[in-house]
C-alpha atoms as a PDB file:
ATOM      1  CA  UNK A   1      -4.734 -87.414 188.659  1.00  0.00           C
ATOM      2  CA  UNK A   2      -5.082 -90.027 186.238  1.00  0.00           C
ATOM      3  CA  UNK A   3      -2.739 -91.816 184.483  1.00  0.00           C
ATOM      4  CA  UNK A   4      -4.028 -91.500 181.409  1.00  0.00           C
ATOM      5  CA  UNK A   5      -5.777 -88.299 179.393  1.00  0.00           C
ATOM      6  CA  UNK A   6      -8.683 -87.034 180.646  1.00  0.00           C
ATOM      7  CA  UNK A   7      -8.691 -89.593 183.022  1.00  0.00           C
ATOM      8  CA  UNK A   8      -9.182 -92.471 180.662  1.00  0.00           C
ATOM      9  CA  UNK A   9     -12.686 -91.286 179.662  1.00  0.00           C
ATOM     10  CA  UNK A  10     -14.574 -94.741 181.266  1.00  0.00           C
ATOM     11  CA  UNK A  11     -11.796 -96.919 179.258  1.00  0.00           C
ATOM     12  CA  UNK A  12     -11.592 -95.012 175.917  1.00  0.00           C
ATOM     13  CA  UNK A  13      -7.954 -94.031 176.360  1.00  0.00           C
ATOM     14  CA  UNK A  14      -6.826 -96.207 179.088  1.00  0.00           C
ATOM     15  CA  UNK A  15      -8.408 -99.039 181.313  1.00  0.00           C
ATOM     16  CA  UNK A  16      -5.895 -98.109 183.910  1.00  0.00           C
ATOM     17  CA  UNK A  17      -8.250 -95.660 185.881  1.00  0.00           C
ATOM     18  CA  UNK A  18     -11.287 -98.525 185.709  1.00  0.00           C
ATOM     19  CA  UNK A  19      -9.101-101.558 186.865  1.00  0.00           C
ATOM     20  CA  UNK A  20      -6.372-100.126 189.081  1.00  0.00           C
ATOM     21  CA  UNK A  21      -6.914 -96.788 190.252  1.00  0.00           C
ATOM     22  CA  UNK A  22     -10.733 -96.111 191.042  1.00  0.00           C
ATOM     23  CA  UNK A  23     -10.686 -99.174 193.430  1.00  0.00           C
ATOM     24  CA  UNK A  24      -7.408 -98.116 195.093  1.00  0.00           C
ATOM     25  CA  UNK A  25      -9.188 -94.688 195.560  1.00  0.00           C
ATOM     26  CA  UNK A  26     -12.456 -96.225 197.022  1.00  0.00           C
ATOM     27  CA  UNK A  27     -10.556 -98.504 198.786  1.00  0.00           C
ATOM     28  CA  UNK A  28      -8.629 -95.133 200.679  1.00  0.00           C
ATOM     29  CA  UNK A  29     -12.213 -93.974 201.651  1.00  0.00           C
ATOM     30  CA  UNK A  30     -14.184 -96.723 202.448  1.00  0.00           C
ATOM     31  CA  UNK A  31     -11.514 -99.040 204.345  1.00  0.00           C
ATOM     32  CA  UNK A  32      -8.472 -96.439 205.484  1.00  0.00           C
ATOM     33  CA  UNK A  33     -11.303 -93.311 205.941  1.00  0.00           C
ATOM     34  CA  UNK A  34      -9.215 -91.135 203.972  1.00  0.00           C
ATOM     35  CA  UNK A  35     -11.002 -87.933 202.418  1.00  0.00           C
ATOM     36  CA  UNK A  36      -9.963 -88.920 198.975  1.00  0.00           C
ATOM     37  CA  UNK A  37     -11.360 -88.340 195.518  1.00  0.00           C
ATOM     38  CA  UNK A  38     -10.670 -89.010 191.529  1.00  0.00           C
ATOM     39  CA  UNK A  39      -9.181 -89.738 189.576  1.00  0.00           C
ATOM     40  CA  UNK A  40      -9.111 -86.221 187.911  1.00  0.00           C
ATOM     41  CA  UNK A  41      -7.953 -85.551 184.569  1.00  0.00           C
ATOM     42  CA  UNK A  42      -4.318 -84.604 184.591  1.00  0.00           C
ATOM     43  CA  UNK A  43      -4.208 -81.827 182.645  1.00  0.00           C
ATOM     44  CA  UNK A  44      -6.725 -79.915 184.947  1.00  0.00           C
ATOM     45  CA  UNK A  45      -6.463 -81.678 188.282  1.00  0.00           C
ATOM     46  CA  UNK A  46      -3.639 -78.832 189.507  1.00  0.00           C
ATOM     47  CA  UNK A  47      -5.554 -75.621 188.179  1.00  0.00           C
ATOM     48  CA  UNK A  48      -8.437 -77.187 190.471  1.00  0.00           C
ATOM     49  CA  UNK A  49      -5.584 -78.089 193.501  1.00  0.00           C
ATOM     50  CA  UNK A  50      -4.341 -74.247 193.146  1.00  0.00           C
ATOM     51  CA  UNK A  51      -7.874 -72.970 193.287  1.00  0.00           C
ATOM     52  CA  UNK A  52      -7.937 -74.716 196.624  1.00  0.00           C
ATOM     53  CA  UNK A  53     -10.213 -77.023 195.648  1.00  0.00           C
ATOM     54  CA  UNK A  54      -7.611 -80.019 197.028  1.00  0.00           C
ATOM     55  CA  UNK A  55      -5.350 -80.002 199.422  1.00  0.00           C
ATOM     56  CA  UNK A  56      -3.058 -82.471 197.623  1.00  0.00           C
ATOM     57  CA  UNK A  57      -2.664 -84.239 194.422  1.00  0.00           C
ATOM     58  CA  UNK A  58      -1.241 -87.062 194.094  1.00  0.00           C
ATOM     59  CA  UNK A  59       0.229 -87.402 190.266  1.00  0.00           C
ATOM     60  CA  UNK A  60       0.660 -91.156 188.697  1.00  0.00           C
ATOM     61  CA  UNK A  61       3.467 -89.904 186.626  1.00  0.00           C
ATOM     62  CA  UNK A  62       6.701 -87.581 187.581  1.00  0.00           C
ATOM     63  CA  UNK A  63       6.321 -85.391 184.865  1.00  0.00           C
ATOM     64  CA  UNK A  64       2.289 -84.939 185.048  1.00  0.00           C
ATOM     65  CA  UNK A  65       2.859 -83.160 188.653  1.00  0.00           C
ATOM     66  CA  UNK A  66       6.222 -81.548 188.136  1.00  0.00           C
ATOM     67  CA  UNK A  67       5.294 -79.843 185.136  1.00  0.00           C
ATOM     68  CA  UNK A  68       2.426 -78.107 186.814  1.00  0.00           C
ATOM     69  CA  UNK A  69       4.306 -77.424 189.934  1.00  0.00           C
ATOM     70  CA  UNK A  70       7.548 -76.115 187.631  1.00  0.00           C
ATOM     71  CA  UNK A  71       5.532 -74.098 186.052  1.00  0.00           C
ATOM     72  CA  UNK A  72       3.946 -72.169 188.722  1.00  0.00           C
ATOM     73  CA  UNK A  73       7.082 -71.724 190.825  1.00  0.00           C
ATOM     74  CA  UNK A  74      10.282 -73.385 189.660  1.00  0.00           C
ATOM     75  CA  UNK A  75      12.601 -72.750 192.353  1.00  0.00           C
ATOM     76  CA  UNK A  76       9.986 -73.851 195.608  1.00  0.00           C
ATOM     77  CA  UNK A  77       9.312 -77.474 194.190  1.00  0.00           C
ATOM     78  CA  UNK A  78       9.763 -80.014 196.837  1.00  0.00           C
ATOM     79  CA  UNK A  79       9.177 -83.846 195.918  1.00  0.00           C
ATOM     80  CA  UNK A  80       7.702 -85.735 198.563  1.00  0.00           C
ATOM     81  CA  UNK A  81       7.974 -89.705 198.334  1.00  0.00           C
ATOM     82  CA  UNK A  82       4.874 -91.061 200.163  1.00  0.00           C
ATOM     83  CA  UNK A  83       4.285 -94.598 201.532  1.00  0.00           C
ATOM     84  CA  UNK A  84       7.980 -94.760 203.156  1.00  0.00           C
ATOM     85  CA  UNK A  85       8.397 -95.610 206.956  1.00  0.00           C
ATOM     86  CA  UNK A  86      10.532 -92.402 206.468  1.00  0.00           C
ATOM     87  CA  UNK A  87       9.894 -88.924 206.050  1.00  0.00           C
ATOM     88  CA  UNK A  88      11.714 -88.104 202.147  1.00  0.00           C
ATOM     89  CA  UNK A  89      11.795 -84.912 200.517  1.00  0.00           C
ATOM     90  CA  UNK A  90      13.735 -83.598 197.648  1.00  0.00           C
ATOM     91  CA  UNK A  91      14.617 -81.140 195.180  1.00  0.00           C
ATOM     92  CA  UNK A  92      11.783 -80.447 192.323  1.00  0.00           C
ATOM     93  CA  UNK A  93      14.387 -80.531 189.663  1.00  0.00           C
ATOM     94  CA  UNK A  94      17.320 -82.888 188.552  1.00  0.00           C
ATOM     95  CA  UNK A  95      20.787 -82.989 189.418  1.00  0.00           C
ATOM     96  CA  UNK A  96      21.746 -79.755 186.828  1.00  0.00           C
ATOM     97  CA  UNK A  97      25.249 -81.148 186.364  1.00  0.00           C
ATOM     98  CA  UNK A  98      25.553 -78.437 184.135  1.00  0.00           C
ATOM     99  CA  UNK A  99      25.369 -75.640 186.539  1.00  0.00           C
ATOM    100  CA  UNK A 100      28.102 -77.321 188.945  1.00  0.00           C
ATOM    101  CA  UNK A 101      30.890 -75.013 189.756  1.00  0.00           C
ATOM    102  CA  UNK A 102      29.175 -72.183 187.756  1.00  0.00           C
ATOM    103  CA  UNK A 103      28.354 -70.027 190.529  1.00  0.00           C
ATOM    104  CA  UNK A 104      24.755 -70.026 189.030  1.00  0.00           C
ATOM    105  CA  UNK A 105      22.872 -72.588 191.001  1.00  0.00           C
ATOM    106  CA  UNK A 106      20.132 -71.882 193.286  1.00  0.00           C
ATOM    107  CA  UNK A 107      19.451 -73.323 196.625  1.00  0.00           C
ATOM    108  CA  UNK A 108      16.045 -72.432 197.163  1.00  0.00           C
ATOM    109  CA  UNK A 109      14.597 -75.605 196.079  1.00  0.00           C
ATOM    110  CA  UNK A 110      16.985 -77.566 198.745  1.00  0.00           C
ATOM    111  CA  UNK A 111      16.061 -74.709 201.635  1.00  0.00           C
ATOM    112  CA  UNK A 112      12.627 -75.714 200.905  1.00  0.00           C
ATOM    113  CA  UNK A 113      12.960 -79.503 200.726  1.00  0.00           C
ATOM    114  CA  UNK A 114      14.551 -79.299 204.105  1.00  0.00           C
ATOM    115  CA  UNK A 115      12.149 -77.265 205.498  1.00  0.00           C
ATOM    116  CA  UNK A 116       9.078 -79.283 204.328  1.00  0.00           C
ATOM    117  CA  UNK A 117      10.863 -82.336 205.706  1.00  0.00           C
ATOM    118  CA  UNK A 118      11.392 -80.266 208.946  1.00  0.00           C
ATOM    119  CA  UNK A 119       7.744 -79.569 209.208  1.00  0.00           C
ATOM    120  CA  UNK A 120       6.511 -83.358 208.393  1.00  0.00           C
ATOM    121  CA  UNK A 121       8.517 -84.346 211.194  1.00  0.00           C
ATOM    122  CA  UNK A 122       7.134 -81.688 213.953  1.00  0.00           C
ATOM    123  CA  UNK A 123       3.818 -82.760 212.673  1.00  0.00           C
ATOM    124  CA  UNK A 124       4.526 -86.332 213.108  1.00  0.00           C
ATOM    125  CA  UNK A 125       6.274 -85.982 216.466  1.00  0.00           C
ATOM    126  CA  UNK A 126       2.752 -84.001 217.241  1.00  0.00           C
ATOM    127  CA  UNK A 127       1.086 -86.688 216.094  1.00  0.00           C
ATOM    128  CA  UNK A 128      -0.682 -84.949 213.205  1.00  0.00           C
ATOM    129  CA  UNK A 129       0.434 -86.936 210.269  1.00  0.00           C
ATOM    130  CA  UNK A 130       1.933 -90.208 210.082  1.00  0.00           C
ATOM    131  CA  UNK A 131       4.594 -92.282 207.949  1.00  0.00           C
ATOM    132  CA  UNK A 132       3.451 -95.969 206.224  1.00  0.00           C
END
């Protein structure tokens, strides 16, 4: 997804897409051979992803991604940090200190983050995905 509204509208709403994001997308496509597109407007990119148009979405801002994911399925959101030499996943919500020791917290997001990390590790061992 883009950084600015409507992915910048060719500089009308910000130049980050033109100066930084578009060149990075092109480099990923041409030099790295990654099947990548965009940047796409952040307000519609997830609708397209949920319809099956994309395998994944990279969000420029934390809330661009999590608003869409939490609206879709709050308890199954997983945060995946890319670009590290290790696999790193975390729950898709905050610390929820207000729920501590109340007996009302759900472990579903934690379990989903652990499942995702295990799946990624299995695929890495099989040579299907890599880190860094």
